[in-house]
Structure formats: C-alpha cells, structure tokens
Amino acid sequence: TGGLSRNRTVGVELGRGRALADIEAEMEMVAEGVKTTKAVKQLSESLGVEMPICDQMYEVIHRGKPAGTVARELMVRELRSEREHD
C-alpha cells in the first residue's frame, strides 16, 4: 500500500483510466500483480471457484474495463454467504 509499491502504482494509474501497456512502458520494474491476476483467474476457473473481485481485477488489468464500472458492478452484486453450506 506504500507509495513505492509497484502494484499500487499500476492500480492507481489504471483507476485514472490509463492503459496497462502505457503504464508498464514507464516502469523500470515488474508489477507482479499483473501476471498473478491472470494466473488467479485461470486457477479459479479451472477449480470452479467464484472469485468476483479477482475476476473484475482481471477485466480492468487485461481487458481495459473501466475501474468505475467494476466498482459499481461489485457493489450491486446479489449478496450471498461466504460459506459453502449456508
């Protein structure tokens, strides 16, 4: 969460509407969360695990979905239990 965090920097810039390619072009180091988000999405799909926040982050990072749209969609999702058997 610190000001020097590469992942935070990418997230802030994506939130401002910048494209991932433009952000990465200016960075000297890798923001590991970019690739990790893709891996988490693939793993959750292969295991059939619903991960709405990760899915939406994937949409922002890898498909250019506006962060504001994602925030609204997550906030209006139907509420449900976090536990499997509730």
N, C-alpha and C. Protein backbone atom coordinates (compact mmCIF):
# COMPACT_ATOMS: atom_id res chain seq x y z
N THR A 1 0.81 -1.21 0.00
CA THR A 1 0.00 0.00 0.00
C THR A 1 0.84 1.26 0.00
N GLY A 2 2.15 1.11 0.14
CA GLY A 2 3.02 2.27 0.20
C GLY A 2 3.17 2.97 -1.15
N GLY A 3 3.63 4.19 -1.11
CA GLY A 3 3.79 4.98 -2.31
C GLY A 3 4.78 4.43 -3.31
N LEU A 4 5.69 3.55 -2.86
CA LEU A 4 6.67 2.96 -3.76
C LEU A 4 6.24 1.60 -4.31
N SER A 5 5.08 1.13 -3.90
CA SER A 5 4.59 -0.17 -4.35
C SER A 5 4.30 -0.16 -5.85
N ARG A 6 4.91 -1.11 -6.55
CA ARG A 6 4.69 -1.21 -8.00
C ARG A 6 3.24 -1.58 -8.30
N ASN A 7 2.68 -2.51 -7.53
CA ASN A 7 1.30 -2.91 -7.76
C ASN A 7 0.34 -1.75 -7.50
N ARG A 8 0.60 -1.01 -6.44
CA ARG A 8 -0.24 0.15 -6.13
C ARG A 8 -0.16 1.18 -7.25
N THR A 9 1.05 1.42 -7.73
CA THR A 9 1.24 2.38 -8.82
C THR A 9 0.42 1.98 -10.05
N VAL A 10 0.48 0.71 -10.42
CA VAL A 10 -0.30 0.23 -11.57
C VAL A 10 -1.78 0.42 -11.29
N GLY A 11 -2.23 0.06 -10.11
CA GLY A 11 -3.64 0.19 -9.78
C GLY A 11 -4.14 1.61 -9.81
N VAL A 12 -3.36 2.52 -9.26
CA VAL A 12 -3.75 3.94 -9.28
C VAL A 12 -3.87 4.44 -10.71
N GLU A 13 -2.89 4.10 -11.52
CA GLU A 13 -2.90 4.57 -12.90
C GLU A 13 -4.03 3.93 -13.71
N LEU A 14 -4.31 2.67 -13.48
CA LEU A 14 -5.47 2.04 -14.14
C LEU A 14 -6.76 2.74 -13.72
N GLY A 15 -6.84 3.08 -12.43
CA GLY A 15 -8.00 3.79 -11.92
C GLY A 15 -8.18 5.16 -12.56
N ARG A 16 -7.09 5.74 -13.00
CA ARG A 16 -7.15 7.03 -13.70
C ARG A 16 -7.51 6.87 -15.17
N GLY A 17 -7.63 5.61 -15.60
CA GLY A 17 -8.04 5.37 -16.98
C GLY A 17 -6.91 5.12 -17.96
N ARG A 18 -5.68 5.01 -17.45
CA ARG A 18 -4.55 4.76 -18.35
C ARG A 18 -4.50 3.29 -18.76
N ALA A 19 -3.95 3.03 -19.92
CA ALA A 19 -3.82 1.67 -20.44
C ALA A 19 -2.63 0.98 -19.79
N LEU A 20 -2.76 -0.32 -19.55
CA LEU A 20 -1.70 -1.09 -18.93
C LEU A 20 -0.40 -0.99 -19.71
N ALA A 21 -0.45 -1.08 -21.02
CA ALA A 21 0.77 -1.01 -21.83
C ALA A 21 1.51 0.31 -21.62
N ASP A 22 0.78 1.40 -21.51
CA ASP A 22 1.40 2.71 -21.28
C ASP A 22 2.05 2.78 -19.89
N ILE A 23 1.37 2.22 -18.91
CA ILE A 23 1.90 2.23 -17.54
C ILE A 23 3.16 1.39 -17.48
N GLU A 24 3.12 0.19 -18.02
CA GLU A 24 4.28 -0.70 -17.97
C GLU A 24 5.46 -0.13 -18.75
N ALA A 25 5.20 0.59 -19.81
CA ALA A 25 6.27 1.17 -20.62
C ALA A 25 7.10 2.18 -19.81
N GLU A 26 6.49 2.80 -18.83
CA GLU A 26 7.17 3.80 -18.00
C GLU A 26 7.84 3.20 -16.77
N MET A 27 7.56 1.93 -16.48
CA MET A 27 8.09 1.30 -15.28
C MET A 27 9.41 0.61 -15.59
N GLU A 28 10.33 0.69 -14.65
CA GLU A 28 11.61 0.01 -14.79
C GLU A 28 11.56 -1.40 -14.19
N MET A 29 10.60 -1.64 -13.31
CA MET A 29 10.49 -2.93 -12.64
C MET A 29 9.11 -3.53 -12.90
N VAL A 30 8.99 -4.80 -12.63
CA VAL A 30 7.76 -5.54 -12.88
C VAL A 30 6.79 -5.37 -11.70
N ALA A 31 5.52 -5.19 -12.03
CA ALA A 31 4.46 -5.23 -11.01
C ALA A 31 3.90 -6.66 -11.07
N GLU A 32 4.30 -7.49 -10.13
CA GLU A 32 3.99 -8.91 -10.18
C GLU A 32 2.49 -9.20 -10.15
N GLY A 33 1.71 -8.29 -9.63
CA GLY A 33 0.27 -8.49 -9.57
C GLY A 33 -0.39 -8.59 -10.94
N VAL A 34 0.22 -8.03 -11.96
CA VAL A 34 -0.35 -8.09 -13.32
C VAL A 34 -0.42 -9.54 -13.79
N LYS A 35 0.69 -10.25 -13.69
CA LYS A 35 0.71 -11.66 -14.11
C LYS A 35 -0.03 -12.54 -13.11
N THR A 36 0.07 -12.21 -11.84
CA THR A 36 -0.59 -13.00 -10.81
C THR A 36 -2.11 -12.97 -11.00
N THR A 37 -2.64 -11.83 -11.38
CA THR A 37 -4.08 -11.72 -11.59
C THR A 37 -4.54 -12.68 -12.69
N LYS A 38 -3.76 -12.79 -13.74
CA LYS A 38 -4.10 -13.72 -14.82
C LYS A 38 -4.05 -15.16 -14.32
N ALA A 39 -3.03 -15.49 -13.55
CA ALA A 39 -2.89 -16.85 -13.02
C ALA A 39 -4.02 -17.20 -12.06
N VAL A 40 -4.40 -16.26 -11.21
CA VAL A 40 -5.50 -16.50 -10.27
C VAL A 40 -6.81 -16.73 -11.02
N LYS A 41 -7.05 -15.95 -12.06
CA LYS A 41 -8.28 -16.13 -12.85
C LYS A 41 -8.31 -17.52 -13.48
N GLN A 42 -7.21 -17.93 -14.08
CA GLN A 42 -7.15 -19.25 -14.72
C GLN A 42 -7.34 -20.36 -13.69
N LEU A 43 -6.71 -20.24 -12.53
CA LEU A 43 -6.83 -21.26 -11.50
C LEU A 43 -8.25 -21.33 -10.95
N SER A 44 -8.84 -20.17 -10.67
CA SER A 44 -10.20 -20.18 -10.13
C SER A 44 -11.19 -20.79 -11.12
N GLU A 45 -11.01 -20.50 -12.40
CA GLU A 45 -11.88 -21.09 -13.42
C GLU A 45 -11.69 -22.60 -13.50
N SER A 46 -10.44 -23.06 -13.44
CA SER A 46 -10.17 -24.50 -13.55
C SER A 46 -10.72 -25.26 -12.34
N LEU A 47 -10.79 -24.60 -11.19
CA LEU A 47 -11.30 -25.24 -9.97
C LEU A 47 -12.79 -24.97 -9.74
N GLY A 48 -13.37 -24.11 -10.55
CA GLY A 48 -14.78 -23.78 -10.39
C GLY A 48 -15.05 -22.95 -9.14
N VAL A 49 -14.10 -22.11 -8.76
CA VAL A 49 -14.24 -21.26 -7.57
C VAL A 49 -14.62 -19.85 -8.02
N GLU A 50 -15.70 -19.33 -7.47
CA GLU A 50 -16.14 -17.98 -7.81
C GLU A 50 -15.29 -16.97 -7.05
N MET A 51 -14.66 -16.06 -7.78
CA MET A 51 -13.82 -15.02 -7.18
C MET A 51 -14.12 -13.70 -7.87
N PRO A 52 -15.25 -13.07 -7.52
CA PRO A 52 -15.70 -11.90 -8.25
C PRO A 52 -14.74 -10.72 -8.24
N ILE A 53 -14.05 -10.48 -7.15
CA ILE A 53 -13.11 -9.35 -7.12
C ILE A 53 -11.94 -9.64 -8.04
N CYS A 54 -11.41 -10.84 -7.97
CA CYS A 54 -10.30 -11.20 -8.86
C CYS A 54 -10.74 -11.17 -10.32
N ASP A 55 -11.93 -11.65 -10.60
CA ASP A 55 -12.45 -11.61 -11.98
C ASP A 55 -12.53 -10.19 -12.49
N GLN A 56 -13.01 -9.30 -11.66
CA GLN A 56 -13.15 -7.90 -12.08
C GLN A 56 -11.78 -7.23 -12.22
N MET A 57 -10.85 -7.57 -11.36
CA MET A 57 -9.50 -7.02 -11.49
C MET A 57 -8.87 -7.48 -12.81
N TYR A 58 -9.11 -8.72 -13.17
CA TYR A 58 -8.63 -9.24 -14.45
C TYR A 58 -9.20 -8.41 -15.60
N GLU A 59 -10.48 -8.09 -15.51
CA GLU A 59 -11.13 -7.29 -16.55
C GLU A 59 -10.49 -5.91 -16.68
N VAL A 60 -10.16 -5.30 -15.57
CA VAL A 60 -9.53 -3.98 -15.58
C VAL A 60 -8.12 -4.07 -16.16
N ILE A 61 -7.35 -5.00 -15.63
CA ILE A 61 -5.93 -5.09 -16.00
C ILE A 61 -5.73 -5.60 -17.41
N HIS A 62 -6.43 -6.66 -17.77
CA HIS A 62 -6.14 -7.33 -19.04
C HIS A 62 -7.12 -7.05 -20.17
N ARG A 63 -8.25 -6.47 -19.84
CA ARG A 63 -9.23 -6.18 -20.89
C ARG A 63 -9.62 -4.71 -20.97
N GLY A 64 -9.03 -3.89 -20.11
CA GLY A 64 -9.26 -2.46 -20.18
C GLY A 64 -10.62 -1.97 -19.70
N LYS A 65 -11.29 -2.78 -18.90
CA LYS A 65 -12.59 -2.37 -18.37
C LYS A 65 -12.39 -1.20 -17.40
N PRO A 66 -13.22 -0.17 -17.49
CA PRO A 66 -13.07 0.98 -16.59
C PRO A 66 -13.24 0.59 -15.11
N ALA A 67 -12.35 1.09 -14.28
CA ALA A 67 -12.39 0.77 -12.85
C ALA A 67 -13.71 1.21 -12.21
N GLY A 68 -14.25 2.34 -12.64
CA GLY A 68 -15.53 2.81 -12.09
C GLY A 68 -16.66 1.85 -12.37
N THR A 69 -16.65 1.26 -13.54
CA THR A 69 -17.67 0.26 -13.91
C THR A 69 -17.56 -0.96 -13.01
N VAL A 70 -16.34 -1.40 -12.80
CA VAL A 70 -16.09 -2.56 -11.95
C VAL A 70 -16.58 -2.30 -10.53
N ALA A 71 -16.26 -1.15 -9.99
CA ALA A 71 -16.69 -0.81 -8.63
C ALA A 71 -18.21 -0.86 -8.51
N ARG A 72 -18.89 -0.27 -9.48
CA ARG A 72 -20.36 -0.28 -9.45
C ARG A 72 -20.90 -1.70 -9.54
N GLU A 73 -20.36 -2.50 -10.44
CA GLU A 73 -20.84 -3.88 -10.61
C GLU A 73 -20.62 -4.71 -9.35
N LEU A 74 -19.49 -4.53 -8.69
CA LEU A 74 -19.25 -5.28 -7.45
C LEU A 74 -20.20 -4.84 -6.34
N MET A 75 -20.51 -3.57 -6.28
CA MET A 75 -21.37 -3.06 -5.21
C MET A 75 -22.83 -3.48 -5.36
N VAL A 76 -23.26 -3.78 -6.56
CA VAL A 76 -24.67 -4.16 -6.76
C VAL A 76 -24.87 -5.66 -6.92
N ARG A 77 -23.81 -6.42 -6.75
CA ARG A 77 -23.94 -7.88 -6.81
C ARG A 77 -24.93 -8.36 -5.76
N GLU A 78 -25.61 -9.44 -6.07
CA GLU A 78 -26.52 -10.06 -5.10
C GLU A 78 -25.70 -10.60 -3.93
N LEU A 79 -26.15 -10.28 -2.72
CA LEU A 79 -25.47 -10.76 -1.53
C LEU A 79 -25.68 -12.26 -1.37
N ARG A 80 -24.64 -12.92 -0.91
CA ARG A 80 -24.74 -14.34 -0.61
C ARG A 80 -23.72 -14.70 0.44
N SER A 81 -23.88 -15.85 1.03
CA SER A 81 -22.98 -16.29 2.09
C SER A 81 -21.58 -16.53 1.55
N GLU A 82 -20.60 -16.27 2.38
CA GLU A 82 -19.22 -16.56 2.03
C GLU A 82 -18.89 -18.04 2.28
N ARG A 83 -19.75 -18.71 3.01
CA ARG A 83 -19.52 -20.11 3.32
C ARG A 83 -20.29 -21.00 2.37
N GLU A 84 -19.71 -22.13 2.09
CA GLU A 84 -20.28 -23.06 1.11
C GLU A 84 -21.64 -23.61 1.52
N HIS A 85 -21.86 -23.87 2.81
CA HIS A 85 -23.05 -24.58 3.24
C HIS A 85 -24.10 -23.71 3.91
N ASP A 86 -24.03 -22.42 3.76
CA ASP A 86 -25.04 -21.53 4.36
C ASP A 86 -26.19 -21.31 3.42
